Amino acid sequence: MDIHTLRRYIAARDAISILETIDVATGVRSVLREFDYVIEAPNWTCDGRFLVYNSGGRLYTYELATGAVTQVDTGFAIDCNNDHVLSPDNTRIAISHFTYEDALSRIYIVPFHGGEPVLVTANGPSYLHGWSPDGGTLAYCAERNGDYDIYTISVDGGPETQLTNSPGLDDGPEYSPDGRYIWFNSVRSGLMQIWRMDADGANPVHMFQEEANCWFPHVSPDGKWVVYLAYDKDEVAPGDHPANKHVELRLAPAAGGASRTIAKLFGGQGTINVNSWAPDSRTLAFVSYRLKA
């Protein structure tokens, strides 16, 4: 999605955004705040104090104790999309920003408390999803030579490493908390499904057999659970994750096994694009939507 398409897309989404949390053990949902415009993709800081989300190309923090919203200073990067991730020590944020020279998404790193972005990926489009637990590597989805695959790169930039090469879309790469694995979603089996591979790209495993199109696996901080977004397979194409659809949040053991639905909502794109587990590994943040009358 280029910057011009992004702006049209945001303008067309005339929706109320509902920032929520859910207790994954009980299914109890709590509304934190409603916004009269589109917000997307909350990250939870590791101290439990803030959520970080994007809206209108910029990033914001939401303080859970007070409800205060503060814009993050991202310098010239004012066309950020919903692929942003906090560093393991929460001192920095890696962002995906549509650059001006060619309107392609590239990955930058900025200080958590604000500052000028530093370019990481020279090539675009690149969409960030994961930061390794040791702080040294980013994992992302990128289109190269007409196909979208999963790549990694040093946080200092340099050459990128291609981890997947199956035909069709591979997306949403995220490290397990111990750094051994990268979780991702792929259409390689037909429907969009949840997969896991070694951190170097070896030994891909189809983790959950679902009769749905499943996106964005997020591993809990304790490494025990995976939550992901599920679309009805008859409503969307496997390689698409649109907004304004009836979707489910599903929870499954990270070791493998049956999933269960923990929430049904109106959402999709923007609901849970990035990891939003709380430090307690029990609470999850997400965004649902309601169309304006």
C-alpha atoms as a PDB file:
ATOM      1  CA  MET A   1       0.000   0.000   0.000  1.00  0.00           C
ATOM      2  CA  ASP A   2       1.646   3.243  -1.129  1.00  0.00           C
ATOM      3  CA  ILE A   3       1.216   6.536   0.699  1.00  0.00           C
ATOM      4  CA  HIS A   4      -1.465   7.837  -1.637  1.00  0.00           C
ATOM      5  CA  THR A   5      -3.482   4.654  -1.260  1.00  0.00           C
ATOM      6  CA  LEU A   6      -2.920   4.800   2.495  1.00  0.00           C
ATOM      7  CA  ARG A   7      -4.361   8.284   2.753  1.00  0.00           C
ATOM      8  CA  ARG A   8      -7.406   7.348   0.672  1.00  0.00           C
ATOM      9  CA  TYR A   9      -7.826   4.219   2.777  1.00  0.00           C
ATOM     10  CA  ILE A  10      -7.706   6.131   6.059  1.00  0.00           C
ATOM     11  CA  ALA A  11     -10.127   8.768   4.770  1.00  0.00           C
ATOM     12  CA  ALA A  12     -12.540   6.062   3.582  1.00  0.00           C
ATOM     13  CA  ARG A  13     -12.557   4.337   6.965  1.00  0.00           C
ATOM     14  CA  ASP A  14     -15.179   6.491   8.571  1.00  0.00           C
ATOM     15  CA  ALA A  15     -15.273   4.477  11.776  1.00  0.00           C
ATOM     16  CA  ILE A  16     -15.225   4.797  15.525  1.00  0.00           C
ATOM     17  CA  SER A  17     -12.273   2.956  17.076  1.00  0.00           C
ATOM     18  CA  ILE A  18     -12.713   1.134  20.369  1.00  0.00           C
ATOM     19  CA  LEU A  19      -9.508   0.447  22.284  1.00  0.00           C
ATOM     20  CA  GLU A  20     -10.112  -2.661  24.373  1.00  0.00           C
ATOM     21  CA  THR A  21      -8.409  -5.244  26.535  1.00  0.00           C
ATOM     22  CA  ILE A  22      -9.388  -8.839  27.110  1.00  0.00           C
ATOM     23  CA  ASP A  23      -8.540 -11.296  29.860  1.00  0.00           C
ATOM     24  CA  VAL A  24      -7.695 -14.349  27.766  1.00  0.00           C
ATOM     25  CA  ALA A  25      -8.469 -16.742  30.629  1.00  0.00           C
ATOM     26  CA  THR A  26     -11.987 -15.473  31.328  1.00  0.00           C
ATOM     27  CA  GLY A  27     -12.893 -13.725  28.065  1.00  0.00           C
ATOM     28  CA  VAL A  28     -13.861 -10.553  29.933  1.00  0.00           C
ATOM     29  CA  ARG A  29     -13.449  -7.491  27.700  1.00  0.00           C
ATOM     30  CA  SER A  30     -12.899  -3.951  28.986  1.00  0.00           C
ATOM     31  CA  VAL A  31     -13.245  -0.770  26.926  1.00  0.00           C
ATOM     32  CA  LEU A  32     -10.445   1.698  27.627  1.00  0.00           C
ATOM     33  CA  ARG A  33     -11.541   4.492  25.307  1.00  0.00           C
ATOM     34  CA  GLU A  34     -13.487   5.239  22.130  1.00  0.00           C
ATOM     35  CA  PHE A  35     -11.992   7.435  19.416  1.00  0.00           C
ATOM     36  CA  ASP A  36     -14.013   9.257  16.781  1.00  0.00           C
ATOM     37  CA  TYR A  37     -11.443   8.277  14.136  1.00  0.00           C
ATOM     38  CA  VAL A  38      -9.317   5.307  13.148  1.00  0.00           C
ATOM     39  CA  ILE A  39      -6.556   4.092  15.450  1.00  0.00           C
ATOM     40  CA  GLU A  40      -4.684   0.828  14.938  1.00  0.00           C
ATOM     41  CA  ALA A  41      -2.360  -1.809  16.302  1.00  0.00           C
ATOM     42  CA  PRO A  42      -1.610  -1.277  20.003  1.00  0.00           C
ATOM     43  CA  ASN A  43       1.731  -2.385  21.481  1.00  0.00           C
ATOM     44  CA  TRP A  44       1.939  -2.839  25.254  1.00  0.00           C
ATOM     45  CA  THR A  45       5.089  -1.519  26.953  1.00  0.00           C
ATOM     46  CA  CYS A  46       6.977  -4.000  29.116  1.00  0.00           C
ATOM     47  CA  ASP A  47       6.411  -1.939  32.283  1.00  0.00           C
ATOM     48  CA  GLY A  48       2.650  -2.196  31.775  1.00  0.00           C
ATOM     49  CA  ARG A  49       2.142   1.594  31.779  1.00  0.00           C
ATOM     50  CA  PHE A  50       1.418   2.442  28.154  1.00  0.00           C
ATOM     51  CA  LEU A  51      -0.078   1.288  24.905  1.00  0.00           C
ATOM     52  CA  VAL A  52       1.470   2.563  21.668  1.00  0.00           C
ATOM     53  CA  TYR A  53      -0.775   2.848  18.609  1.00  0.00           C
ATOM     54  CA  ASN A  54      -0.788   4.547  15.217  1.00  0.00           C
ATOM     55  CA  SER A  55      -3.342   6.941  13.743  1.00  0.00           C
ATOM     56  CA  GLY A  56      -3.228   9.141  10.656  1.00  0.00           C
ATOM     57  CA  GLY A  57       0.406   8.316   9.968  1.00  0.00           C
ATOM     58  CA  ARG A  58       1.678   9.152  13.460  1.00  0.00           C
ATOM     59  CA  LEU A  59       2.307   7.220  16.687  1.00  0.00           C
ATOM     60  CA  TYR A  60       0.760   7.884  20.084  1.00  0.00           C
ATOM     61  CA  THR A  61       1.025   6.568  23.627  1.00  0.00           C
ATOM     62  CA  TYR A  62      -2.004   5.872  25.794  1.00  0.00           C
ATOM     63  CA  GLU A  63      -1.293   5.832  29.538  1.00  0.00           C
ATOM     64  CA  LEU A  64      -3.450   3.155  31.118  1.00  0.00           C
ATOM     65  CA  ALA A  65      -3.540   4.743  34.583  1.00  0.00           C
ATOM     66  CA  THR A  66      -4.766   8.153  33.421  1.00  0.00           C
ATOM     67  CA  GLY A  67      -6.036   7.728  29.866  1.00  0.00           C
ATOM     68  CA  ALA A  68      -3.651  10.469  28.712  1.00  0.00           C
ATOM     69  CA  VAL A  69      -2.755  10.411  25.017  1.00  0.00           C
ATOM     70  CA  THR A  70       0.622  11.793  23.881  1.00  0.00           C
ATOM     71  CA  GLN A  71       1.996  12.002  20.360  1.00  0.00           C
ATOM     72  CA  VAL A  72       5.388  10.364  19.866  1.00  0.00           C
ATOM     73  CA  ASP A  73       7.935  12.580  18.132  1.00  0.00           C
ATOM     74  CA  THR A  74       9.002  10.579  15.078  1.00  0.00           C
ATOM     75  CA  GLY A  75      10.715  13.462  13.280  1.00  0.00           C
ATOM     76  CA  PHE A  76      10.156  13.437   9.542  1.00  0.00           C
ATOM     77  CA  ALA A  77       8.394  10.027   9.698  1.00  0.00           C
ATOM     78  CA  ILE A  78       4.785  11.230   9.672  1.00  0.00           C
ATOM     79  CA  ASP A  79       3.346   8.566   7.362  1.00  0.00           C
ATOM     80  CA  CYS A  80       3.739   5.538   9.627  1.00  0.00           C
ATOM     81  CA  ASN A  81       1.581   2.457   9.074  1.00  0.00           C
ATOM     82  CA  ASN A  82       0.397  -0.124  11.569  1.00  0.00           C
ATOM     83  CA  ASP A  83       3.617  -2.160  11.616  1.00  0.00           C
ATOM     84  CA  HIS A  84       5.558  -0.849  14.616  1.00  0.00           C
ATOM     85  CA  VAL A  85       7.385  -2.739  17.372  1.00  0.00           C
ATOM     86  CA  LEU A  86       9.065  -1.760  20.636  1.00  0.00           C
ATOM     87  CA  SER A  87      12.631  -2.827  21.385  1.00  0.00           C
ATOM     88  CA  PRO A  88      12.946  -5.479  24.122  1.00  0.00           C
ATOM     89  CA  ASP A  89      14.124  -2.827  26.611  1.00  0.00           C
ATOM     90  CA  ASN A  90      11.474  -0.355  25.384  1.00  0.00           C
ATOM     91  CA  THR A  91      14.000   2.407  24.784  1.00  0.00           C
ATOM     92  CA  ARG A  92      13.316   2.489  21.028  1.00  0.00           C
ATOM     93  CA  ILE A  93      10.497   1.970  18.535  1.00  0.00           C
ATOM     94  CA  ALA A  94      10.990   0.468  15.096  1.00  0.00           C
ATOM     95  CA  ILE A  95       8.488   1.880  12.637  1.00  0.00           C
ATOM     96  CA  SER A  96       7.356   1.280   9.067  1.00  0.00           C
ATOM     97  CA  HIS A  97       7.115   4.653   7.305  1.00  0.00           C
ATOM     98  CA  PHE A  98       6.154   5.473   3.725  1.00  0.00           C
ATOM     99  CA  THR A  99       9.183   7.316   2.392  1.00  0.00           C
ATOM    100  CA  TYR A 100       8.797  10.352   0.174  1.00  0.00           C
ATOM    101  CA  GLU A 101      11.168   9.451  -2.644  1.00  0.00           C
ATOM    102  CA  ASP A 102       9.066   6.529  -3.908  1.00  0.00           C
ATOM    103  CA  ALA A 103       6.121   6.177  -1.450  1.00  0.00           C
ATOM    104  CA  LEU A 104       7.280   2.709  -0.327  1.00  0.00           C
ATOM    105  CA  SER A 105       7.306   1.514   3.274  1.00  0.00           C
ATOM    106  CA  ARG A 106      10.738   1.280   4.863  1.00  0.00           C
ATOM    107  CA  ILE A 107      11.792   0.504   8.416  1.00  0.00           C
ATOM    108  CA  TYR A 108      13.323   3.116  10.727  1.00  0.00           C
ATOM    109  CA  ILE A 109      14.199   3.210  14.423  1.00  0.00           C
ATOM    110  CA  VAL A 110      13.413   6.154  16.697  1.00  0.00           C
ATOM    111  CA  PRO A 111      13.939   6.696  20.451  1.00  0.00           C
ATOM    112  CA  PHE A 112      10.852   5.847  22.506  1.00  0.00           C
ATOM    113  CA  HIS A 113      10.738   9.389  23.904  1.00  0.00           C
ATOM    114  CA  GLY A 114      11.100  10.871  20.426  1.00  0.00           C
ATOM    115  CA  GLY A 115      13.780  11.873  17.963  1.00  0.00           C
ATOM    116  CA  GLU A 116      14.921  11.614  14.375  1.00  0.00           C
ATOM    117  CA  PRO A 117      14.415   8.269  12.628  1.00  0.00           C
ATOM    118  CA  VAL A 118      17.388   6.184  11.548  1.00  0.00           C
ATOM    119  CA  LEU A 119      16.913   4.133   8.370  1.00  0.00           C
ATOM    120  CA  VAL A 120      17.325   0.366   8.697  1.00  0.00           C
ATOM    121  CA  THR A 121      16.039  -1.131   5.430  1.00  0.00           C
ATOM    122  CA  ALA A 122      17.350   0.519   2.280  1.00  0.00           C
ATOM    123  CA  ASN A 123      14.900  -1.463   0.145  1.00  0.00           C
ATOM    124  CA  GLY A 124      11.138  -1.121   0.063  1.00  0.00           C
ATOM    125  CA  PRO A 125       8.461  -2.065   0.563  1.00  0.00           C
ATOM    126  CA  SER A 126       9.365  -3.445   4.002  1.00  0.00           C
ATOM    127  CA  TYR A 127       6.809  -3.986   6.773  1.00  0.00           C
ATOM    128  CA  LEU A 128       8.118  -4.578  10.290  1.00  0.00           C
ATOM    129  CA  HIS A 129       6.713  -7.230  12.623  1.00  0.00           C
ATOM    130  CA  GLY A 130       9.358  -8.587  14.989  1.00  0.00           C
ATOM    131  CA  TRP A 131      12.346  -7.580  17.122  1.00  0.00           C
ATOM    132  CA  SER A 132      14.632 -10.330  18.430  1.00  0.00           C
ATOM    133  CA  PRO A 133      14.802 -10.768  22.226  1.00  0.00           C
ATOM    134  CA  ASP A 134      18.537  -9.980  22.204  1.00  0.00           C
ATOM    135  CA  GLY A 135      17.767  -6.624  20.596  1.00  0.00           C
ATOM    136  CA  GLY A 136      19.991  -7.167  17.575  1.00  0.00           C
ATOM    137  CA  THR A 137      17.716  -8.193  14.706  1.00  0.00           C
ATOM    138  CA  LEU A 138      14.435  -7.136  13.065  1.00  0.00           C
ATOM    139  CA  ALA A 139      12.084  -9.486  11.210  1.00  0.00           C
ATOM    140  CA  TYR A 140       9.806  -8.157   8.502  1.00  0.00           C
ATOM    141  CA  CYS A 141       7.706  -8.896   5.445  1.00  0.00           C
ATOM    142  CA  ALA A 142       9.060  -7.451   2.203  1.00  0.00           C
ATOM    143  CA  GLU A 143       8.267  -7.525  -1.486  1.00  0.00           C
ATOM    144  CA  ARG A 144      11.304  -8.339  -3.575  1.00  0.00           C
ATOM    145  CA  ASN A 145      11.151  -9.397  -7.224  1.00  0.00           C
ATOM    146  CA  GLY A 146       7.369  -9.596  -7.219  1.00  0.00           C
ATOM    147  CA  ASP A 147       6.860 -11.843  -4.175  1.00  0.00           C
ATOM    148  CA  TYR A 148       6.356 -11.161  -0.481  1.00  0.00           C
ATOM    149  CA  ASP A 149       8.634 -13.124   1.822  1.00  0.00           C
ATOM    150  CA  ILE A 150      10.112 -12.902   5.299  1.00  0.00           C
ATOM    151  CA  TYR A 151      13.470 -11.253   5.888  1.00  0.00           C
ATOM    152  CA  THR A 152      15.691 -10.334   8.806  1.00  0.00           C
ATOM    153  CA  ILE A 153      18.211  -7.536   9.158  1.00  0.00           C
ATOM    154  CA  SER A 154      20.515  -6.104  11.821  1.00  0.00           C
ATOM    155  CA  VAL A 155      19.090  -3.152  13.742  1.00  0.00           C
ATOM    156  CA  ASP A 156      22.110  -1.269  12.398  1.00  0.00           C
ATOM    157  CA  GLY A 157      21.051  -1.951   8.800  1.00  0.00           C
ATOM    158  CA  GLY A 158      23.225  -3.605   6.186  1.00  0.00           C
ATOM    159  CA  PRO A 159      22.431  -6.691   4.097  1.00  0.00           C
ATOM    160  CA  GLU A 160      19.092  -8.392   4.584  1.00  0.00           C
ATOM    161  CA  THR A 161      18.628 -12.166   4.907  1.00  0.00           C
ATOM    162  CA  GLN A 162      15.740 -13.888   3.108  1.00  0.00           C
ATOM    163  CA  LEU A 163      14.178 -16.631   5.253  1.00  0.00           C
ATOM    164  CA  THR A 164      11.265 -17.831   3.093  1.00  0.00           C
ATOM    165  CA  ASN A 165      10.858 -18.405  -0.631  1.00  0.00           C
ATOM    166  CA  SER A 166       7.546 -20.250  -1.014  1.00  0.00           C
ATOM    167  CA  PRO A 167       5.229 -18.924  -3.746  1.00  0.00           C
ATOM    168  CA  GLY A 168       2.587 -16.564  -2.383  1.00  0.00           C
ATOM    169  CA  LEU A 169       2.466 -14.347   0.664  1.00  0.00           C
ATOM    170  CA  ASP A 170       4.448 -14.946   3.853  1.00  0.00           C
ATOM    171  CA  ASP A 171       3.779 -12.237   6.450  1.00  0.00           C
ATOM    172  CA  GLY A 172       3.672 -11.282  10.123  1.00  0.00           C
ATOM    173  CA  PRO A 173       7.042 -12.646  11.348  1.00  0.00           C
ATOM    174  CA  GLU A 174       7.495 -12.446  15.095  1.00  0.00           C
ATOM    175  CA  TYR A 175      10.132 -13.954  17.375  1.00  0.00           C
ATOM    176  CA  SER A 176       9.287 -16.291  20.211  1.00  0.00           C
ATOM    177  CA  PRO A 177      10.373 -14.862  23.597  1.00  0.00           C
ATOM    178  CA  ASP A 178      13.339 -17.249  23.766  1.00  0.00           C
ATOM    179  CA  GLY A 179      14.510 -16.242  20.270  1.00  0.00           C
ATOM    180  CA  ARG A 180      14.483 -19.822  18.963  1.00  0.00           C
ATOM    181  CA  TYR A 181      11.615 -19.432  16.532  1.00  0.00           C
ATOM    182  CA  ILE A 182       9.908 -17.015  14.206  1.00  0.00           C
ATOM    183  CA  TRP A 183       6.141 -17.289  13.974  1.00  0.00           C
ATOM    184  CA  PHE A 184       4.440 -16.137  10.773  1.00  0.00           C
ATOM    185  CA  ASN A 185       1.385 -16.535   8.572  1.00  0.00           C
ATOM    186  CA  SER A 186       1.521 -18.014   5.077  1.00  0.00           C
ATOM    187  CA  VAL A 187      -0.746 -18.963   2.164  1.00  0.00           C
ATOM    188  CA  ARG A 188       1.548 -21.843   1.158  1.00  0.00           C
ATOM    189  CA  SER A 189      -1.057 -24.442   2.158  1.00  0.00           C
ATOM    190  CA  GLY A 190      -3.978 -22.699   0.419  1.00  0.00           C
ATOM    191  CA  LEU A 191      -5.695 -20.740   3.174  1.00  0.00           C
ATOM    192  CA  MET A 192      -3.735 -18.205   5.212  1.00  0.00           C
ATOM    193  CA  GLN A 193      -2.458 -20.234   8.145  1.00  0.00           C
ATOM    194  CA  ILE A 194      -0.165 -19.957  11.176  1.00  0.00           C
ATOM    195  CA  TRP A 195       3.361 -21.344  10.838  1.00  0.00           C
ATOM    196  CA  ARG A 196       6.536 -21.463  12.895  1.00  0.00           C
ATOM    197  CA  MET A 197      10.137 -21.864  11.758  1.00  0.00           C
ATOM    198  CA  ASP A 198      13.566 -21.786  13.335  1.00  0.00           C
ATOM    199  CA  ALA A 199      14.976 -18.272  13.664  1.00  0.00           C
ATOM    200  CA  ASP A 200      17.274 -18.953  10.699  1.00  0.00           C
ATOM    201  CA  GLY A 201      14.339 -19.967   8.478  1.00  0.00           C
ATOM    202  CA  ALA A 202      14.802 -23.733   8.737  1.00  0.00           C
ATOM    203  CA  ASN A 203      12.158 -26.336   9.633  1.00  0.00           C
ATOM    204  CA  PRO A 204       8.851 -24.563   8.894  1.00  0.00           C
ATOM    205  CA  VAL A 205       5.930 -26.187  10.729  1.00  0.00           C
ATOM    206  CA  HIS A 206       2.201 -25.694  10.109  1.00  0.00           C
ATOM    207  CA  MET A 207       1.080 -25.149  13.704  1.00  0.00           C
ATOM    208  CA  PHE A 208      -2.724 -24.975  13.625  1.00  0.00           C
ATOM    209  CA  GLN A 209      -5.067 -26.506  11.060  1.00  0.00           C
ATOM    210  CA  GLU A 210      -7.845 -23.933  10.727  1.00  0.00           C
ATOM    211  CA  GLU A 211     -10.782 -23.651   8.330  1.00  0.00           C
ATOM    212  CA  ALA A 212     -10.254 -19.895   8.306  1.00  0.00           C
ATOM    213  CA  ASN A 213      -7.776 -17.335   7.043  1.00  0.00           C
ATOM    214  CA  CYS A 214      -5.523 -16.616  10.029  1.00  0.00           C
ATOM    215  CA  TRP A 215      -3.172 -13.671  10.467  1.00  0.00           C
ATOM    216  CA  PHE A 216      -0.593 -12.161  12.781  1.00  0.00           C
ATOM    217  CA  PRO A 217       0.421 -14.742  15.403  1.00  0.00           C
ATOM    218  CA  HIS A 218       1.493 -13.052  18.636  1.00  0.00           C
ATOM    219  CA  VAL A 219       3.300 -15.029  21.328  1.00  0.00           C
ATOM    220  CA  SER A 220       2.702 -14.219  25.001  1.00  0.00           C
ATOM    221  CA  PRO A 221       5.723 -12.969  26.987  1.00  0.00           C
ATOM    222  CA  ASP A 222       5.879 -16.234  28.939  1.00  0.00           C
ATOM    223  CA  GLY A 223       5.991 -18.167  25.663  1.00  0.00           C
ATOM    224  CA  LYS A 224       2.947 -20.319  26.473  1.00  0.00           C
ATOM    225  CA  TRP A 225       0.231 -18.886  24.235  1.00  0.00           C
ATOM    226  CA  VAL A 226      -0.334 -17.598  20.733  1.00  0.00           C
ATOM    227  CA  VAL A 227      -3.190 -15.308  19.752  1.00  0.00           C
ATOM    228  CA  TYR A 228      -4.123 -14.531  16.149  1.00  0.00           C
ATOM    229  CA  LEU A 229      -6.820 -13.008  13.964  1.00  0.00           C
ATOM    230  CA  ALA A 230      -9.213 -15.248  12.003  1.00  0.00           C
ATOM    231  CA  TYR A 231     -11.359 -14.284   9.004  1.00  0.00           C
ATOM    232  CA  ASP A 232     -14.174 -16.391   7.576  1.00  0.00           C
ATOM    233  CA  LYS A 233     -12.571 -18.231   4.657  1.00  0.00           C
ATOM    234  CA  ASP A 234     -15.574 -17.516   2.425  1.00  0.00           C
ATOM    235  CA  GLU A 235     -15.510 -13.751   3.028  1.00  0.00           C
ATOM    236  CA  VAL A 236     -11.922 -12.790   2.210  1.00  0.00           C
ATOM    237  CA  ALA A 237      -9.189 -14.025  -0.097  1.00  0.00           C
ATOM    238  CA  PRO A 238      -6.371 -15.873   1.702  1.00  0.00           C
ATOM    239  CA  GLY A 239      -3.856 -13.121   0.941  1.00  0.00           C
ATOM    240  CA  ASP A 240      -6.040 -10.227   2.112  1.00  0.00           C
ATOM    241  CA  HIS A 241      -6.701  -8.797   5.586  1.00  0.00           C
ATOM    242  CA  PRO A 242      -9.237  -5.996   5.072  1.00  0.00           C
ATOM    243  CA  ALA A 243     -10.916  -3.731   7.586  1.00  0.00           C
ATOM    244  CA  ASN A 244     -14.596  -3.735   8.499  1.00  0.00           C
ATOM    245  CA  LYS A 245     -15.135  -7.474   8.709  1.00  0.00           C
ATOM    246  CA  HIS A 246     -16.535  -9.778  11.349  1.00  0.00           C
ATOM    247  CA  VAL A 247     -13.465 -11.525  12.733  1.00  0.00           C
ATOM    248  CA  GLU A 248     -12.356 -13.606  15.694  1.00  0.00           C
ATOM    249  CA  LEU A 249      -9.423 -13.537  18.068  1.00  0.00           C
ATOM    250  CA  ARG A 250      -8.273 -17.098  18.635  1.00  0.00           C
ATOM    251  CA  LEU A 251      -5.961 -18.437  21.351  1.00  0.00           C
ATOM    252  CA  ALA A 252      -3.873 -21.601  21.133  1.00  0.00           C
ATOM    253  CA  PRO A 253      -1.020 -23.215  23.078  1.00  0.00           C
ATOM    254  CA  ALA A 254       2.350 -22.227  21.620  1.00  0.00           C
ATOM    255  CA  ALA A 255       3.425 -25.863  21.831  1.00  0.00           C
ATOM    256  CA  GLY A 256       0.597 -26.784  19.448  1.00  0.00           C
ATOM    257  CA  GLY A 257      -2.935 -28.030  19.936  1.00  0.00           C
ATOM    258  CA  ALA A 258      -6.520 -26.891  19.528  1.00  0.00           C
ATOM    259  CA  SER A 259      -7.397 -23.214  19.396  1.00  0.00           C
ATOM    260  CA  ARG A 260     -10.417 -21.522  20.921  1.00  0.00           C
ATOM    261  CA  THR A 261     -12.182 -18.274  20.103  1.00  0.00           C
ATOM    262  CA  ILE A 262     -11.785 -15.687  22.852  1.00  0.00           C
ATOM    263  CA  ALA A 263     -13.511 -12.752  21.141  1.00  0.00           C
ATOM    264  CA  LYS A 264     -15.738 -11.974  18.177  1.00  0.00           C
ATOM    265  CA  LEU A 265     -15.651  -8.421  16.884  1.00  0.00           C
ATOM    266  CA  PHE A 266     -15.993  -6.063  13.925  1.00  0.00           C
ATOM    267  CA  GLY A 267     -12.513  -5.242  12.750  1.00  0.00           C
ATOM    268  CA  GLY A 268      -9.646  -6.893  10.897  1.00  0.00           C
ATOM    269  CA  GLN A 269      -7.039  -4.506   9.504  1.00  0.00           C
ATOM    270  CA  GLY A 270      -5.778  -2.489  12.478  1.00  0.00           C
ATOM    271  CA  THR A 271      -7.175  -4.778  15.181  1.00  0.00           C
ATOM    272  CA  ILE A 272      -4.041  -6.654  16.150  1.00  0.00           C
ATOM    273  CA  ASN A 273      -1.361  -6.215  13.482  1.00  0.00           C
ATOM    274  CA  VAL A 274       1.446  -6.195  16.058  1.00  0.00           C
ATOM    275  CA  ASN A 275       2.056  -7.901  19.403  1.00  0.00           C
ATOM    276  CA  SER A 276      -0.115  -6.363  22.119  1.00  0.00           C
ATOM    277  CA  TRP A 277       0.256  -8.809  25.000  1.00  0.00           C
ATOM    278  CA  ALA A 278       0.547  -7.277  28.454  1.00  0.00           C
ATOM    279  CA  PRO A 279       3.573  -8.244  30.565  1.00  0.00           C
ATOM    280  CA  ASP A 280       1.332 -10.545  32.641  1.00  0.00           C
ATOM    281  CA  SER A 281       0.771 -12.866  29.618  1.00  0.00           C
ATOM    282  CA  ARG A 282      -2.919 -12.848  30.477  1.00  0.00           C
ATOM    283  CA  THR A 283      -4.212  -9.558  29.106  1.00  0.00           C
ATOM    284  CA  LEU A 284      -4.322  -8.514  25.486  1.00  0.00           C
ATOM    285  CA  ALA A 285      -5.027  -5.127  23.905  1.00  0.00           C
ATOM    286  CA  PHE A 286      -6.779  -4.759  20.553  1.00  0.00           C
ATOM    287  CA  VAL A 287      -8.956  -2.386  18.531  1.00  0.00           C
ATOM    288  CA  SER A 288     -12.508  -3.056  17.396  1.00  0.00           C
ATOM    289  CA  TYR A 289     -14.498  -0.705  15.200  1.00  0.00           C
ATOM    290  CA  ARG A 290     -18.000   0.608  14.693  1.00  0.00           C
ATOM    291  CA  LEU A 291     -19.111   2.279  11.492  1.00  0.00           C
ATOM    292  CA  LYS A 292     -20.460   5.770  11.866  1.00  0.00           C
ATOM    293  CA  ALA A 293     -24.145   6.218  11.095  1.00  0.00           C
END
